[in-house]
């Protein structure tokens, strides 16, 4: 009798998986209503308002209050002026209501770039800050726009 239930369970699971795959094939851009886009375009501005870095942040679990992800950013100013916002890396962050904080260099004790912003719809705007052992070294504005 238990073999029968096991076989039926496999058949039902296979059918459900096939339906899910068929739905993705028919409409690959459709996402569940509760999911947010997990790719954001990042633009950082220096203290004078000029673009100093651009790239993308890829959120692994964007709907969570604590999230992680990876980033790929190109700097347009020397990292001696804007911190390590160049190349790629990982990030960690948290969200409380619409307030968002992201650390672009979570495994470092020094030389951190922190983003603190407010989420409005598909956009996060706020201030980035390069923090070293001596404290805040430079800062500017940033935007993250859902792609």
N, C-alpha and C. Protein backbone atom coordinates (compact mmCIF):
# COMPACT_ATOMS: atom_id res chain seq x y z
N UNK A 1 0.81 -1.19 0.00
CA UNK A 1 0.00 0.00 0.00
C UNK A 1 0.86 1.26 0.00
N UNK A 2 1.97 1.27 0.74
CA UNK A 2 2.81 2.46 0.81
C UNK A 2 3.50 2.72 -0.53
N UNK A 3 3.77 1.67 -1.31
CA UNK A 3 4.36 1.86 -2.63
C UNK A 3 3.39 2.62 -3.54
N UNK A 4 2.09 2.31 -3.40
CA UNK A 4 1.06 2.96 -4.20
C UNK A 4 1.04 4.46 -3.91
N UNK A 5 1.06 4.84 -2.63
CA UNK A 5 1.04 6.25 -2.25
C UNK A 5 2.30 6.96 -2.74
N UNK A 6 3.43 6.31 -2.65
CA UNK A 6 4.69 6.88 -3.11
C UNK A 6 4.65 7.14 -4.62
N UNK A 7 4.15 6.18 -5.39
CA UNK A 7 4.05 6.33 -6.85
C UNK A 7 3.08 7.46 -7.19
N UNK A 8 1.94 7.53 -6.51
CA UNK A 8 0.97 8.59 -6.76
C UNK A 8 1.55 9.96 -6.41
N UNK A 9 2.31 10.04 -5.33
CA UNK A 9 2.94 11.30 -4.94
C UNK A 9 3.91 11.77 -6.02
N UNK A 10 4.70 10.88 -6.55
CA UNK A 10 5.64 11.23 -7.62
C UNK A 10 4.88 11.69 -8.87
N UNK A 11 3.80 11.02 -9.22
CA UNK A 11 3.01 11.41 -10.40
C UNK A 11 2.41 12.80 -10.21
N UNK A 12 1.83 13.06 -9.04
CA UNK A 12 1.23 14.36 -8.77
C UNK A 12 2.29 15.46 -8.79
N UNK A 13 3.43 15.21 -8.16
CA UNK A 13 4.50 16.22 -8.14
C UNK A 13 5.03 16.49 -9.54
N UNK A 14 5.16 15.45 -10.35
CA UNK A 14 5.61 15.63 -11.74
C UNK A 14 4.62 16.46 -12.53
N UNK A 15 3.33 16.20 -12.34
CA UNK A 15 2.30 16.97 -13.03
C UNK A 15 2.35 18.44 -12.63
N UNK A 16 2.48 18.70 -11.31
CA UNK A 16 2.52 20.08 -10.83
C UNK A 16 3.76 20.80 -11.36
N UNK A 17 4.88 20.10 -11.40
CA UNK A 17 6.10 20.70 -11.92
C UNK A 17 5.95 21.02 -13.40
N UNK A 18 5.32 20.13 -14.15
CA UNK A 18 5.11 20.36 -15.59
C UNK A 18 4.24 21.58 -15.82
N UNK A 19 3.19 21.74 -15.02
CA UNK A 19 2.31 22.90 -15.17
C UNK A 19 3.06 24.19 -14.89
N UNK A 20 3.87 24.17 -13.86
CA UNK A 20 4.65 25.36 -13.50
C UNK A 20 5.63 25.72 -14.62
N UNK A 21 6.30 24.70 -15.18
CA UNK A 21 7.24 24.95 -16.27
C UNK A 21 6.51 25.44 -17.52
N UNK A 22 5.35 24.90 -17.82
CA UNK A 22 4.57 25.32 -18.98
C UNK A 22 4.16 26.79 -18.83
N UNK A 23 3.74 27.17 -17.64
CA UNK A 23 3.36 28.56 -17.40
C UNK A 23 4.54 29.50 -17.63
N UNK A 24 5.74 29.09 -17.18
CA UNK A 24 6.93 29.92 -17.39
C UNK A 24 7.30 30.01 -18.87
N UNK A 25 7.08 28.93 -19.62
CA UNK A 25 7.39 28.94 -21.05
C UNK A 25 6.42 29.86 -21.78
N UNK A 26 5.12 29.79 -21.44
CA UNK A 26 4.12 30.60 -22.11
C UNK A 26 4.25 32.08 -21.79
N UNK A 27 4.65 32.41 -20.57
CA UNK A 27 4.79 33.81 -20.15
C UNK A 27 6.03 33.95 -19.26
N UNK A 28 7.25 33.97 -19.85
CA UNK A 28 8.47 33.96 -19.05
C UNK A 28 8.67 35.23 -18.22
N UNK A 29 8.05 36.34 -18.58
CA UNK A 29 8.23 37.58 -17.84
C UNK A 29 7.26 37.72 -16.68
N UNK A 30 6.28 36.84 -16.60
CA UNK A 30 5.29 36.93 -15.53
C UNK A 30 5.91 36.50 -14.21
N UNK A 31 5.69 37.31 -13.18
CA UNK A 31 6.19 37.01 -11.85
C UNK A 31 5.02 36.91 -10.90
N UNK A 32 5.19 36.20 -9.80
CA UNK A 32 4.11 36.15 -8.82
C UNK A 32 3.77 37.56 -8.35
N UNK A 33 2.50 37.79 -8.04
CA UNK A 33 2.05 39.13 -7.67
C UNK A 33 2.81 39.68 -6.47
N UNK A 34 3.26 38.83 -5.56
CA UNK A 34 3.92 39.31 -4.36
C UNK A 34 5.41 39.54 -4.54
N UNK A 35 5.99 39.19 -5.68
CA UNK A 35 7.44 39.31 -5.82
C UNK A 35 7.84 40.67 -6.37
N UNK A 36 8.98 41.15 -5.92
CA UNK A 36 9.55 42.38 -6.43
C UNK A 36 10.68 42.01 -7.35
N UNK A 37 11.00 42.93 -8.25
CA UNK A 37 12.14 42.72 -9.13
C UNK A 37 13.41 42.65 -8.29
N UNK A 38 14.34 41.78 -8.65
CA UNK A 38 15.54 41.63 -7.84
C UNK A 38 16.78 42.26 -8.47
N UNK A 39 16.64 43.00 -9.56
CA UNK A 39 17.77 43.69 -10.18
C UNK A 39 17.51 45.19 -10.14
N UNK A 40 18.46 45.92 -9.56
CA UNK A 40 18.34 47.37 -9.47
C UNK A 40 19.54 48.03 -10.13
N UNK A 41 19.28 49.09 -10.87
CA UNK A 41 20.35 49.88 -11.49
C UNK A 41 20.79 50.92 -10.46
N UNK A 42 22.10 50.95 -10.21
CA UNK A 42 22.69 51.80 -9.18
C UNK A 42 23.41 52.98 -9.82
N UNK A 43 23.13 54.18 -9.34
CA UNK A 43 23.87 55.36 -9.75
C UNK A 43 24.26 56.11 -8.48
N UNK A 44 25.56 56.38 -8.36
CA UNK A 44 26.08 57.12 -7.21
C UNK A 44 26.57 58.48 -7.69
N UNK A 45 26.32 59.50 -6.88
CA UNK A 45 26.73 60.87 -7.20
C UNK A 45 27.70 61.35 -6.13
N UNK A 46 28.71 62.12 -6.55
CA UNK A 46 29.63 62.67 -5.56
C UNK A 46 28.98 63.86 -4.85
N UNK A 47 29.71 64.51 -3.97
CA UNK A 47 29.14 65.60 -3.18
C UNK A 47 28.77 66.82 -4.02
N UNK A 48 29.28 66.88 -5.27
CA UNK A 48 28.92 68.00 -6.14
C UNK A 48 27.78 67.65 -7.10
N UNK A 49 27.27 66.41 -7.01
CA UNK A 49 26.15 66.00 -7.86
C UNK A 49 26.54 65.32 -9.15
N UNK A 50 27.84 65.10 -9.38
CA UNK A 50 28.29 64.41 -10.59
C UNK A 50 28.27 62.90 -10.38
N UNK A 51 27.95 62.16 -11.44
CA UNK A 51 27.94 60.69 -11.36
C UNK A 51 29.36 60.21 -11.08
N UNK A 52 29.51 59.38 -10.03
CA UNK A 52 30.83 58.86 -9.71
C UNK A 52 30.91 57.34 -9.85
N UNK A 53 29.75 56.67 -9.94
CA UNK A 53 29.73 55.22 -10.12
C UNK A 53 28.37 54.79 -10.64
N UNK A 54 28.37 53.72 -11.44
CA UNK A 54 27.12 53.14 -11.97
C UNK A 54 27.27 51.64 -12.01
N UNK A 55 26.15 50.96 -11.87
CA UNK A 55 26.19 49.50 -11.95
C UNK A 55 24.86 48.88 -11.62
N UNK A 56 24.90 47.63 -11.15
CA UNK A 56 23.69 46.89 -10.82
C UNK A 56 23.87 46.17 -9.49
N UNK A 57 22.78 46.09 -8.74
CA UNK A 57 22.70 45.29 -7.53
C UNK A 57 21.70 44.18 -7.78
N UNK A 58 22.09 42.96 -7.44
CA UNK A 58 21.25 41.78 -7.64
C UNK A 58 20.85 41.24 -6.27
N UNK A 59 19.58 41.38 -5.93
CA UNK A 59 19.07 40.97 -4.63
C UNK A 59 18.70 39.49 -4.66
N UNK A 60 19.19 38.72 -3.68
CA UNK A 60 18.85 37.29 -3.59
C UNK A 60 17.47 37.07 -2.98
N UNK A 61 17.08 37.86 -2.02
CA UNK A 61 15.80 37.69 -1.34
C UNK A 61 15.20 39.07 -1.06
N UNK A 62 14.74 39.76 -2.10
CA UNK A 62 14.35 41.17 -1.97
C UNK A 62 13.14 41.43 -1.09
N UNK A 63 12.30 40.45 -0.87
CA UNK A 63 11.09 40.69 -0.08
C UNK A 63 11.32 40.53 1.42
N UNK A 64 12.51 40.13 1.80
CA UNK A 64 12.81 39.90 3.20
C UNK A 64 13.25 41.19 3.89
N UNK A 65 13.10 41.25 5.21
CA UNK A 65 13.57 42.42 5.94
C UNK A 65 15.09 42.40 6.06
N UNK A 66 15.70 41.23 6.00
CA UNK A 66 17.16 41.08 5.94
C UNK A 66 17.47 40.40 4.61
N UNK A 67 18.31 41.02 3.79
CA UNK A 67 18.55 40.49 2.46
C UNK A 67 20.04 40.50 2.15
N UNK A 68 20.40 39.77 1.11
CA UNK A 68 21.77 39.69 0.62
C UNK A 68 21.76 39.82 -0.89
N UNK A 69 22.92 39.91 -1.47
CA UNK A 69 23.01 39.96 -2.92
C UNK A 69 24.42 40.21 -3.39
N UNK A 70 24.53 40.47 -4.67
CA UNK A 70 25.82 40.77 -5.28
C UNK A 70 25.71 42.09 -6.04
N UNK A 71 26.86 42.70 -6.30
CA UNK A 71 26.87 43.95 -7.05
C UNK A 71 27.98 43.93 -8.08
N UNK A 72 27.75 44.71 -9.13
CA UNK A 72 28.72 44.90 -10.21
C UNK A 72 28.67 46.39 -10.55
N UNK A 73 29.71 47.12 -10.16
CA UNK A 73 29.71 48.58 -10.27
C UNK A 73 30.99 49.06 -10.96
N UNK A 74 30.84 50.07 -11.80
CA UNK A 74 31.99 50.71 -12.44
C UNK A 74 32.12 52.12 -11.86
N UNK A 75 33.31 52.41 -11.34
CA UNK A 75 33.58 53.74 -10.78
C UNK A 75 34.04 54.69 -11.88
N UNK A 76 33.63 55.96 -11.78
CA UNK A 76 34.06 56.99 -12.71
C UNK A 76 35.00 57.99 -12.03
N UNK A 77 35.30 57.73 -10.77
CA UNK A 77 36.25 58.52 -10.00
C UNK A 77 37.17 57.54 -9.31
N UNK A 78 38.35 57.98 -8.91
CA UNK A 78 39.26 57.06 -8.20
C UNK A 78 38.63 56.56 -6.89
N UNK A 79 38.91 55.29 -6.55
CA UNK A 79 38.37 54.74 -5.32
C UNK A 79 38.97 55.44 -4.09
N UNK A 80 40.02 56.18 -4.27
CA UNK A 80 40.56 56.98 -3.16
C UNK A 80 39.64 58.15 -2.83
N UNK A 81 38.67 58.42 -3.70
CA UNK A 81 37.71 59.51 -3.45
C UNK A 81 36.32 58.99 -3.08
N UNK A 82 35.97 57.78 -3.55
CA UNK A 82 34.60 57.27 -3.32
C UNK A 82 34.57 55.92 -2.62
N UNK A 83 35.70 55.39 -2.24
CA UNK A 83 35.75 54.08 -1.59
C UNK A 83 35.64 52.95 -2.59
N UNK A 84 35.51 51.73 -2.09
CA UNK A 84 35.52 50.55 -2.97
C UNK A 84 34.20 50.30 -3.69
N UNK A 85 33.78 51.26 -4.49
CA UNK A 85 32.58 51.10 -5.31
C UNK A 85 33.00 50.79 -6.74
N UNK A 86 33.86 49.82 -6.92
CA UNK A 86 34.35 49.48 -8.25
C UNK A 86 34.58 47.98 -8.32
N UNK A 87 34.18 47.37 -9.42
CA UNK A 87 34.33 45.93 -9.58
C UNK A 87 33.05 45.21 -9.19
N UNK A 88 33.22 44.15 -8.39
CA UNK A 88 32.04 43.40 -7.96
C UNK A 88 32.25 42.87 -6.56
N UNK A 89 31.16 42.50 -5.94
CA UNK A 89 31.22 41.99 -4.58
C UNK A 89 29.87 41.56 -4.08
N UNK A 90 29.80 41.33 -2.79
CA UNK A 90 28.54 40.92 -2.16
C UNK A 90 28.06 42.04 -1.25
N UNK A 91 26.77 42.00 -0.91
CA UNK A 91 26.24 42.97 0.04
C UNK A 91 25.26 42.30 0.98
N UNK A 92 25.04 42.97 2.10
CA UNK A 92 23.99 42.59 3.04
C UNK A 92 23.19 43.84 3.33
N UNK A 93 21.94 43.65 3.72
CA UNK A 93 21.13 44.81 4.02
C UNK A 93 19.93 44.46 4.87
N UNK A 94 19.24 45.52 5.29
CA UNK A 94 18.00 45.32 6.02
C UNK A 94 17.02 46.42 5.67
N UNK A 95 15.77 46.10 5.92
CA UNK A 95 14.68 47.02 5.59
C UNK A 95 13.74 47.08 6.79
N UNK A 96 13.42 48.29 7.20
CA UNK A 96 12.40 48.51 8.23
C UNK A 96 11.42 49.50 7.62
N UNK A 97 10.22 49.01 7.36
CA UNK A 97 9.21 49.78 6.63
C UNK A 97 9.82 50.22 5.30
N UNK A 98 9.94 51.53 5.04
CA UNK A 98 10.49 51.98 3.76
C UNK A 98 11.97 52.37 3.86
N UNK A 99 12.55 52.25 5.05
CA UNK A 99 13.96 52.59 5.24
C UNK A 99 14.84 51.39 4.90
N UNK A 100 15.86 51.61 4.07
CA UNK A 100 16.74 50.54 3.61
C UNK A 100 18.19 50.91 3.92
N UNK A 101 18.95 49.92 4.42
CA UNK A 101 20.38 50.09 4.65
C UNK A 101 21.10 48.93 3.98
N UNK A 102 22.14 49.25 3.21
CA UNK A 102 22.90 48.23 2.49
C UNK A 102 24.38 48.47 2.73
N UNK A 103 25.11 47.41 3.06
CA UNK A 103 26.56 47.47 3.23
C UNK A 103 27.18 46.75 2.03
N UNK A 104 27.89 47.51 1.18
CA UNK A 104 28.48 46.94 -0.04
C UNK A 104 29.75 46.13 0.23
N UNK A 105 30.28 46.21 1.45
CA UNK A 105 31.50 45.45 1.78
C UNK A 105 31.37 44.86 3.19
N UNK A 106 30.44 43.90 3.34
CA UNK A 106 30.10 43.40 4.67
C UNK A 106 31.20 42.62 5.39
N UNK A 107 32.14 42.09 4.67
CA UNK A 107 33.17 41.27 5.31
C UNK A 107 34.41 42.07 5.69
N UNK A 108 34.36 43.38 5.56
CA UNK A 108 35.49 44.24 5.90
C UNK A 108 35.19 44.96 7.20
N UNK A 109 36.20 45.19 7.99
CA UNK A 109 36.05 45.96 9.22
C UNK A 109 36.35 47.43 8.97
N UNK A 110 36.90 47.73 7.82
CA UNK A 110 37.29 49.08 7.43
C UNK A 110 36.99 49.21 5.95
N UNK A 111 36.89 50.45 5.48
CA UNK A 111 36.74 50.65 4.04
C UNK A 111 35.36 50.22 3.54
N UNK A 112 34.32 50.55 4.29
CA UNK A 112 32.96 50.15 3.94
C UNK A 112 32.21 51.25 3.20
N UNK A 113 31.42 50.84 2.22
CA UNK A 113 30.49 51.76 1.57
C UNK A 113 29.10 51.35 2.03
N UNK A 114 28.41 52.28 2.67
CA UNK A 114 27.09 52.04 3.23
C UNK A 114 26.06 52.89 2.46
N UNK A 115 24.97 52.27 2.08
CA UNK A 115 23.86 52.99 1.44
C UNK A 115 22.71 53.07 2.43
N UNK A 116 22.19 54.27 2.66
CA UNK A 116 21.05 54.47 3.54
C UNK A 116 20.01 55.24 2.75
N UNK A 117 18.85 54.63 2.55
CA UNK A 117 17.86 55.29 1.71
C UNK A 117 16.43 54.96 2.06
N UNK A 118 15.54 55.51 1.26
CA UNK A 118 14.11 55.31 1.42
C UNK A 118 13.56 54.68 0.15
N UNK A 119 12.77 53.63 0.34
CA UNK A 119 12.17 52.92 -0.79
C UNK A 119 10.81 53.51 -1.09
N UNK A 120 10.61 53.91 -2.35
CA UNK A 120 9.33 54.42 -2.81
C UNK A 120 9.01 53.71 -4.11
N UNK A 121 8.07 52.79 -4.07
CA UNK A 121 7.73 52.02 -5.26
C UNK A 121 8.92 51.18 -5.70
N UNK A 122 9.33 51.35 -6.96
CA UNK A 122 10.44 50.59 -7.51
C UNK A 122 11.76 51.35 -7.45
N UNK A 123 11.88 52.30 -6.53
CA UNK A 123 13.07 53.15 -6.47
C UNK A 123 13.51 53.32 -5.02
N UNK A 124 14.82 53.30 -4.81
CA UNK A 124 15.40 53.59 -3.50
C UNK A 124 16.34 54.76 -3.70
N UNK A 125 16.17 55.82 -2.93
CA UNK A 125 17.04 56.99 -3.02
C UNK A 125 17.57 57.30 -1.63
N UNK A 126 18.77 57.85 -1.60
CA UNK A 126 19.35 58.19 -0.31
C UNK A 126 20.78 58.64 -0.42
N UNK A 127 21.56 58.31 0.61
CA UNK A 127 22.95 58.75 0.69
C UNK A 127 23.88 57.54 0.83
N UNK A 128 24.97 57.55 0.06
CA UNK A 128 26.04 56.57 0.25
C UNK A 128 27.12 57.24 1.09
N UNK A 129 27.82 56.42 1.86
CA UNK A 129 28.88 56.95 2.71
C UNK A 129 30.03 55.96 2.73
N UNK A 130 31.24 56.46 2.50
CA UNK A 130 32.45 55.64 2.59
C UNK A 130 32.98 55.82 4.00
N UNK A 131 33.01 54.74 4.77
CA UNK A 131 33.43 54.79 6.17
C UNK A 131 34.72 54.00 6.34
N UNK A 132 35.71 54.65 6.94
CA UNK A 132 36.99 54.00 7.24
C UNK A 132 37.20 54.04 8.75
N UNK A 133 38.37 53.58 9.21
CA UNK A 133 38.65 53.61 10.65
C UNK A 133 38.58 55.01 11.23
N UNK A 134 38.86 56.01 10.41
CA UNK A 134 38.81 57.39 10.93
C UNK A 134 37.40 57.96 10.90
N UNK A 135 36.44 57.21 10.37
CA UNK A 135 35.05 57.67 10.30
C UNK A 135 34.63 57.92 8.87
N UNK A 136 33.53 58.66 8.66
CA UNK A 136 33.08 58.96 7.30
C UNK A 136 34.17 59.72 6.53
N UNK A 137 34.51 59.19 5.34
CA UNK A 137 35.58 59.77 4.54
C UNK A 137 35.04 60.57 3.37
N UNK A 138 33.98 60.08 2.74
CA UNK A 138 33.28 60.84 1.71
C UNK A 138 31.87 60.30 1.59
N UNK A 139 31.02 61.09 0.93
CA UNK A 139 29.63 60.69 0.78
C UNK A 139 29.00 61.41 -0.39
N UNK A 140 27.82 60.96 -0.73
CA UNK A 140 27.06 61.56 -1.82
C UNK A 140 25.69 60.92 -1.90
N UNK A 141 24.95 61.24 -2.93
CA UNK A 141 23.61 60.69 -3.10
C UNK A 141 23.68 59.43 -3.97
N UNK A 142 22.61 58.63 -3.92
CA UNK A 142 22.52 57.47 -4.79
C UNK A 142 21.06 57.23 -5.15
N UNK A 143 20.87 56.50 -6.24
CA UNK A 143 19.55 55.98 -6.61
C UNK A 143 19.71 54.52 -7.00
N UNK A 144 18.72 53.74 -6.64
CA UNK A 144 18.58 52.36 -7.09
C UNK A 144 17.22 52.26 -7.74
N UNK A 145 17.19 51.90 -9.01
CA UNK A 145 15.93 51.83 -9.74
C UNK A 145 15.72 50.41 -10.23
N UNK A 146 14.56 49.86 -9.94
CA UNK A 146 14.23 48.50 -10.35
C UNK A 146 14.28 48.40 -11.86
N UNK A 147 14.92 47.36 -12.32
CA UNK A 147 15.04 47.15 -13.77
C UNK A 147 13.96 46.24 -14.26
